[in-house]
Amino acid sequence: MANDFSEKIELSGFKDIDEPAISDLKRIAASYVKRFSEICGEFEKLTIRMKKVHAQVHSEKYEVHISVLDKGKLFTSAVTDKNLLNAADAALQKVEHEIGEK
C-alpha cells in the first residue's frame, strides 16, 4: 500500500473481536484516514474505541466512539448498533461530516 496510515489509527476495546472483523475495521478506518488527511488542516490521529453494551449471544450491541485529532482540535462521535462495522462506519461518517462543516 503506497500510503500506510496504520500509525495514525488507534484501536481500543477490541480484544474479543475476531481477526476478520478487525481486518475489515482497519480497512474501513484506513479509507477514512485517507479522507481525513485530505480535509483536515493537520490530521494527527483517529481513535476508535468499542464496548459491548448488550452482550447476550446473537443480540450483541456495540457502542463505537470515534475521535479525530486535527491540529489540536478534537472531533468526536458515538454510534450504537448490532453490527460492529455498521456502527464504526456510521460514527466515522458523522465525524467526517462535522469536520467538513468546520
N, C-alpha and C. Protein backbone atom coordinates (compact mmCIF):
# COMPACT_ATOMS: atom_id res chain seq x y z
N MET A 1 0.85 -1.18 0.00
CA MET A 1 0.00 0.00 0.00
C MET A 1 0.90 1.24 0.00
N ALA A 2 0.68 2.15 -0.91
CA ALA A 2 1.52 3.32 -1.06
C ALA A 2 1.42 4.24 0.16
N ASN A 3 0.21 4.50 0.64
CA ASN A 3 0.02 5.33 1.81
C ASN A 3 -0.47 4.46 2.96
N ASP A 4 0.44 4.16 3.87
CA ASP A 4 0.07 3.34 5.02
C ASP A 4 -0.27 4.27 6.18
N PHE A 5 -1.54 4.32 6.52
CA PHE A 5 -2.00 5.22 7.57
C PHE A 5 -2.13 4.51 8.91
N SER A 6 -1.68 3.26 9.01
CA SER A 6 -1.91 2.47 10.22
C SER A 6 -1.33 3.12 11.47
N GLU A 7 -0.23 3.88 11.33
CA GLU A 7 0.35 4.51 12.51
C GLU A 7 -0.52 5.66 13.03
N LYS A 8 -1.50 6.08 12.27
CA LYS A 8 -2.40 7.17 12.68
C LYS A 8 -3.74 6.64 13.19
N ILE A 9 -3.86 5.31 13.30
CA ILE A 9 -5.10 4.69 13.76
C ILE A 9 -4.84 3.97 15.08
N GLU A 10 -5.67 4.27 16.07
CA GLU A 10 -5.56 3.61 17.37
C GLU A 10 -6.88 2.90 17.67
N LEU A 11 -6.81 1.61 17.96
CA LEU A 11 -7.99 0.81 18.31
C LEU A 11 -7.95 0.48 19.78
N SER A 12 -9.10 0.52 20.43
CA SER A 12 -9.18 0.20 21.85
C SER A 12 -10.48 -0.55 22.13
N GLY A 13 -10.40 -1.61 22.94
CA GLY A 13 -11.59 -2.35 23.34
C GLY A 13 -12.00 -3.47 22.41
N PHE A 14 -11.10 -3.90 21.52
CA PHE A 14 -11.45 -4.90 20.51
C PHE A 14 -10.87 -6.28 20.79
N LYS A 15 -10.43 -6.55 22.02
CA LYS A 15 -9.75 -7.82 22.30
C LYS A 15 -10.61 -9.06 22.06
N ASP A 16 -11.93 -8.92 22.17
CA ASP A 16 -12.83 -10.08 21.98
C ASP A 16 -13.37 -10.21 20.56
N ILE A 17 -12.90 -9.36 19.66
CA ILE A 17 -13.40 -9.36 18.28
C ILE A 17 -12.49 -10.22 17.41
N ASP A 18 -13.08 -11.01 16.52
CA ASP A 18 -12.28 -11.91 15.70
C ASP A 18 -11.45 -11.15 14.65
N GLU A 19 -10.40 -11.79 14.20
CA GLU A 19 -9.43 -11.17 13.30
C GLU A 19 -10.04 -10.70 11.97
N PRO A 20 -10.92 -11.47 11.33
CA PRO A 20 -11.52 -10.97 10.08
C PRO A 20 -12.27 -9.65 10.28
N ALA A 21 -13.00 -9.53 11.38
CA ALA A 21 -13.73 -8.28 11.66
C ALA A 21 -12.76 -7.14 11.92
N ILE A 22 -11.68 -7.41 12.63
CA ILE A 22 -10.66 -6.39 12.88
C ILE A 22 -10.03 -5.94 11.56
N SER A 23 -9.75 -6.89 10.67
CA SER A 23 -9.18 -6.54 9.36
C SER A 23 -10.13 -5.65 8.57
N ASP A 24 -11.41 -5.99 8.59
CA ASP A 24 -12.41 -5.16 7.90
C ASP A 24 -12.48 -3.77 8.53
N LEU A 25 -12.45 -3.72 9.85
CA LEU A 25 -12.49 -2.44 10.55
C LEU A 25 -11.28 -1.58 10.19
N LYS A 26 -10.11 -2.19 10.15
CA LYS A 26 -8.89 -1.45 9.80
C LYS A 26 -8.96 -0.93 8.36
N ARG A 27 -9.53 -1.71 7.47
CA ARG A 27 -9.67 -1.29 6.07
C ARG A 27 -10.61 -0.08 5.98
N ILE A 28 -11.73 -0.14 6.69
CA ILE A 28 -12.68 0.98 6.72
C ILE A 28 -12.00 2.21 7.32
N ALA A 29 -11.32 2.01 8.44
CA ALA A 29 -10.65 3.13 9.11
C ALA A 29 -9.60 3.76 8.21
N ALA A 30 -8.83 2.94 7.49
CA ALA A 30 -7.78 3.46 6.61
C ALA A 30 -8.37 4.34 5.51
N SER A 31 -9.53 3.96 4.98
CA SER A 31 -10.13 4.79 3.93
C SER A 31 -10.59 6.14 4.49
N TYR A 32 -11.08 6.14 5.72
CA TYR A 32 -11.46 7.41 6.35
C TYR A 32 -10.23 8.25 6.70
N VAL A 33 -9.17 7.60 7.15
CA VAL A 33 -7.94 8.33 7.48
C VAL A 33 -7.42 9.04 6.24
N LYS A 34 -7.50 8.36 5.10
CA LYS A 34 -7.08 9.00 3.84
C LYS A 34 -7.93 10.24 3.60
N ARG A 35 -9.23 10.12 3.78
CA ARG A 35 -10.14 11.25 3.58
C ARG A 35 -9.85 12.37 4.59
N PHE A 36 -9.67 11.99 5.87
CA PHE A 36 -9.39 12.99 6.89
C PHE A 36 -8.08 13.73 6.58
N SER A 37 -7.11 13.03 6.05
CA SER A 37 -5.84 13.65 5.68
C SER A 37 -6.04 14.70 4.60
N GLU A 38 -7.06 14.51 3.76
CA GLU A 38 -7.36 15.46 2.69
C GLU A 38 -8.16 16.66 3.18
N ILE A 39 -9.10 16.44 4.11
CA ILE A 39 -10.00 17.53 4.51
C ILE A 39 -9.58 18.25 5.79
N CYS A 40 -8.69 17.67 6.56
CA CYS A 40 -8.23 18.31 7.79
C CYS A 40 -7.06 19.23 7.51
N GLY A 41 -6.91 20.22 8.37
CA GLY A 41 -5.75 21.10 8.27
C GLY A 41 -4.47 20.35 8.55
N GLU A 42 -4.44 19.69 9.70
CA GLU A 42 -3.28 18.88 10.10
C GLU A 42 -3.78 17.63 10.83
N PHE A 43 -4.25 16.66 10.08
CA PHE A 43 -4.76 15.42 10.68
C PHE A 43 -3.65 14.76 11.49
N GLU A 44 -3.98 14.42 12.75
CA GLU A 44 -2.99 13.80 13.62
C GLU A 44 -3.28 12.33 13.91
N LYS A 45 -4.55 12.04 14.31
CA LYS A 45 -4.83 10.67 14.74
C LYS A 45 -6.33 10.37 14.73
N LEU A 46 -6.64 9.11 14.43
CA LEU A 46 -8.00 8.57 14.54
C LEU A 46 -8.00 7.53 15.65
N THR A 47 -8.89 7.68 16.61
CA THR A 47 -9.03 6.70 17.69
C THR A 47 -10.42 6.09 17.60
N ILE A 48 -10.45 4.75 17.63
CA ILE A 48 -11.73 4.02 17.61
C ILE A 48 -11.79 3.19 18.88
N ARG A 49 -12.80 3.47 19.70
CA ARG A 49 -12.99 2.71 20.93
C ARG A 49 -14.33 2.00 20.84
N MET A 50 -14.35 0.75 21.32
CA MET A 50 -15.58 -0.03 21.24
C MET A 50 -15.85 -0.67 22.59
N LYS A 51 -17.15 -0.71 22.94
CA LYS A 51 -17.55 -1.52 24.08
C LYS A 51 -18.87 -2.18 23.77
N LYS A 52 -19.03 -3.38 24.27
CA LYS A 52 -20.30 -4.08 24.11
C LYS A 52 -21.24 -3.53 25.17
N VAL A 53 -22.43 -3.16 24.74
CA VAL A 53 -23.40 -2.63 25.70
C VAL A 53 -24.52 -3.62 25.99
N HIS A 54 -24.60 -4.66 25.20
CA HIS A 54 -25.60 -5.71 25.43
C HIS A 54 -24.95 -6.98 24.93
N ALA A 55 -24.47 -7.82 25.82
CA ALA A 55 -23.59 -8.92 25.43
C ALA A 55 -24.25 -10.30 25.38
N GLN A 56 -25.56 -10.37 25.17
CA GLN A 56 -26.18 -11.68 25.03
C GLN A 56 -25.89 -12.24 23.65
N VAL A 57 -25.69 -13.54 23.59
CA VAL A 57 -25.39 -14.18 22.32
C VAL A 57 -26.48 -13.88 21.30
N HIS A 58 -26.07 -13.51 20.10
CA HIS A 58 -26.93 -13.20 18.96
C HIS A 58 -27.74 -11.91 19.11
N SER A 59 -27.50 -11.16 20.18
CA SER A 59 -28.17 -9.86 20.29
C SER A 59 -27.20 -8.82 20.84
N GLU A 60 -25.91 -9.00 20.54
CA GLU A 60 -24.90 -8.05 20.99
C GLU A 60 -25.17 -6.69 20.38
N LYS A 61 -24.84 -5.66 21.12
CA LYS A 61 -24.84 -4.31 20.60
C LYS A 61 -23.47 -3.73 20.88
N TYR A 62 -22.97 -2.99 19.91
CA TYR A 62 -21.64 -2.41 20.03
C TYR A 62 -21.75 -0.89 20.06
N GLU A 63 -21.10 -0.29 21.03
CA GLU A 63 -21.03 1.16 21.11
C GLU A 63 -19.65 1.56 20.62
N VAL A 64 -19.60 2.33 19.55
CA VAL A 64 -18.34 2.72 18.94
C VAL A 64 -18.16 4.23 19.11
N HIS A 65 -17.03 4.60 19.68
CA HIS A 65 -16.68 6.01 19.87
C HIS A 65 -15.51 6.34 18.94
N ILE A 66 -15.68 7.41 18.21
CA ILE A 66 -14.65 7.86 17.27
C ILE A 66 -14.14 9.21 17.74
N SER A 67 -12.83 9.39 17.67
CA SER A 67 -12.28 10.72 17.88
C SER A 67 -11.17 10.95 16.85
N VAL A 68 -11.20 12.14 16.27
CA VAL A 68 -10.21 12.55 15.29
C VAL A 68 -9.55 13.81 15.82
N LEU A 69 -8.23 13.79 15.85
CA LEU A 69 -7.46 14.94 16.29
C LEU A 69 -6.91 15.66 15.07
N ASP A 70 -7.30 16.92 14.93
CA ASP A 70 -6.88 17.74 13.79
C ASP A 70 -6.35 19.06 14.32
N LYS A 71 -5.07 19.26 14.18
CA LYS A 71 -4.42 20.50 14.60
C LYS A 71 -4.81 20.85 16.04
N GLY A 72 -4.80 19.84 16.92
CA GLY A 72 -5.12 20.05 18.32
C GLY A 72 -6.61 20.09 18.64
N LYS A 73 -7.47 20.09 17.64
CA LYS A 73 -8.93 20.11 17.86
C LYS A 73 -9.47 18.70 17.76
N LEU A 74 -10.35 18.36 18.69
CA LEU A 74 -10.91 17.01 18.74
C LEU A 74 -12.32 17.00 18.16
N PHE A 75 -12.57 16.08 17.23
CA PHE A 75 -13.90 15.84 16.67
C PHE A 75 -14.32 14.45 17.14
N THR A 76 -15.54 14.33 17.67
CA THR A 76 -15.96 13.04 18.23
C THR A 76 -17.37 12.66 17.78
N SER A 77 -17.64 11.37 17.85
CA SER A 77 -18.99 10.85 17.63
C SER A 77 -19.09 9.49 18.28
N ALA A 78 -20.32 9.03 18.46
CA ALA A 78 -20.57 7.70 19.01
C ALA A 78 -21.84 7.14 18.37
N VAL A 79 -21.81 5.85 18.07
CA VAL A 79 -22.95 5.16 17.48
C VAL A 79 -23.07 3.79 18.13
N THR A 80 -24.29 3.37 18.38
CA THR A 80 -24.54 2.03 18.90
C THR A 80 -25.35 1.26 17.87
N ASP A 81 -24.91 0.03 17.58
CA ASP A 81 -25.57 -0.77 16.55
C ASP A 81 -25.31 -2.24 16.86
N LYS A 82 -26.16 -3.11 16.32
CA LYS A 82 -25.95 -4.56 16.46
C LYS A 82 -24.79 -5.04 15.59
N ASN A 83 -24.47 -4.28 14.55
CA ASN A 83 -23.37 -4.65 13.65
C ASN A 83 -22.19 -3.72 13.93
N LEU A 84 -21.08 -4.29 14.35
CA LEU A 84 -19.89 -3.52 14.70
C LEU A 84 -19.40 -2.65 13.55
N LEU A 85 -19.32 -3.22 12.35
CA LEU A 85 -18.79 -2.46 11.21
C LEU A 85 -19.73 -1.34 10.79
N ASN A 86 -21.04 -1.58 10.88
CA ASN A 86 -22.00 -0.51 10.59
C ASN A 86 -21.88 0.63 11.59
N ALA A 87 -21.72 0.27 12.86
CA ALA A 87 -21.57 1.29 13.90
C ALA A 87 -20.31 2.13 13.65
N ALA A 88 -19.21 1.46 13.34
CA ALA A 88 -17.96 2.18 13.09
C ALA A 88 -18.09 3.09 11.87
N ASP A 89 -18.67 2.57 10.80
CA ASP A 89 -18.82 3.37 9.58
C ASP A 89 -19.72 4.58 9.83
N ALA A 90 -20.82 4.38 10.53
CA ALA A 90 -21.74 5.49 10.81
C ALA A 90 -21.07 6.55 11.68
N ALA A 91 -20.32 6.11 12.69
CA ALA A 91 -19.62 7.07 13.56
C ALA A 91 -18.55 7.83 12.79
N LEU A 92 -17.84 7.14 11.91
CA LEU A 92 -16.83 7.80 11.09
C LEU A 92 -17.46 8.80 10.13
N GLN A 93 -18.62 8.45 9.58
CA GLN A 93 -19.34 9.38 8.69
C GLN A 93 -19.74 10.65 9.45
N LYS A 94 -20.19 10.49 10.69
CA LYS A 94 -20.58 11.65 11.49
C LYS A 94 -19.39 12.60 11.70
N VAL A 95 -18.25 12.03 12.02
CA VAL A 95 -17.05 12.85 12.25
C VAL A 95 -16.63 13.53 10.94
N GLU A 96 -16.69 12.78 9.84
CA GLU A 96 -16.33 13.35 8.54
C GLU A 96 -17.23 14.55 8.23
N HIS A 97 -18.52 14.41 8.50
CA HIS A 97 -19.47 15.49 8.25
C HIS A 97 -19.15 16.71 9.15
N GLU A 98 -18.84 16.43 10.41
CA GLU A 98 -18.52 17.51 11.35
C GLU A 98 -17.25 18.26 10.90
N ILE A 99 -16.25 17.52 10.48
CA ILE A 99 -15.00 18.15 10.00
C ILE A 99 -15.28 18.98 8.77
N GLY A 100 -16.11 18.46 7.87
CA GLY A 100 -16.44 19.18 6.64
C GLY A 100 -17.17 20.49 6.88
N GLU A 101 -17.83 20.61 8.03
CA GLU A 101 -18.57 21.83 8.35
C GLU A 101 -17.73 22.88 9.06
N LYS A 102 -16.53 22.50 9.47
CA LYS A 102 -15.74 23.46 10.26
C LYS A 102 -15.29 24.66 9.47
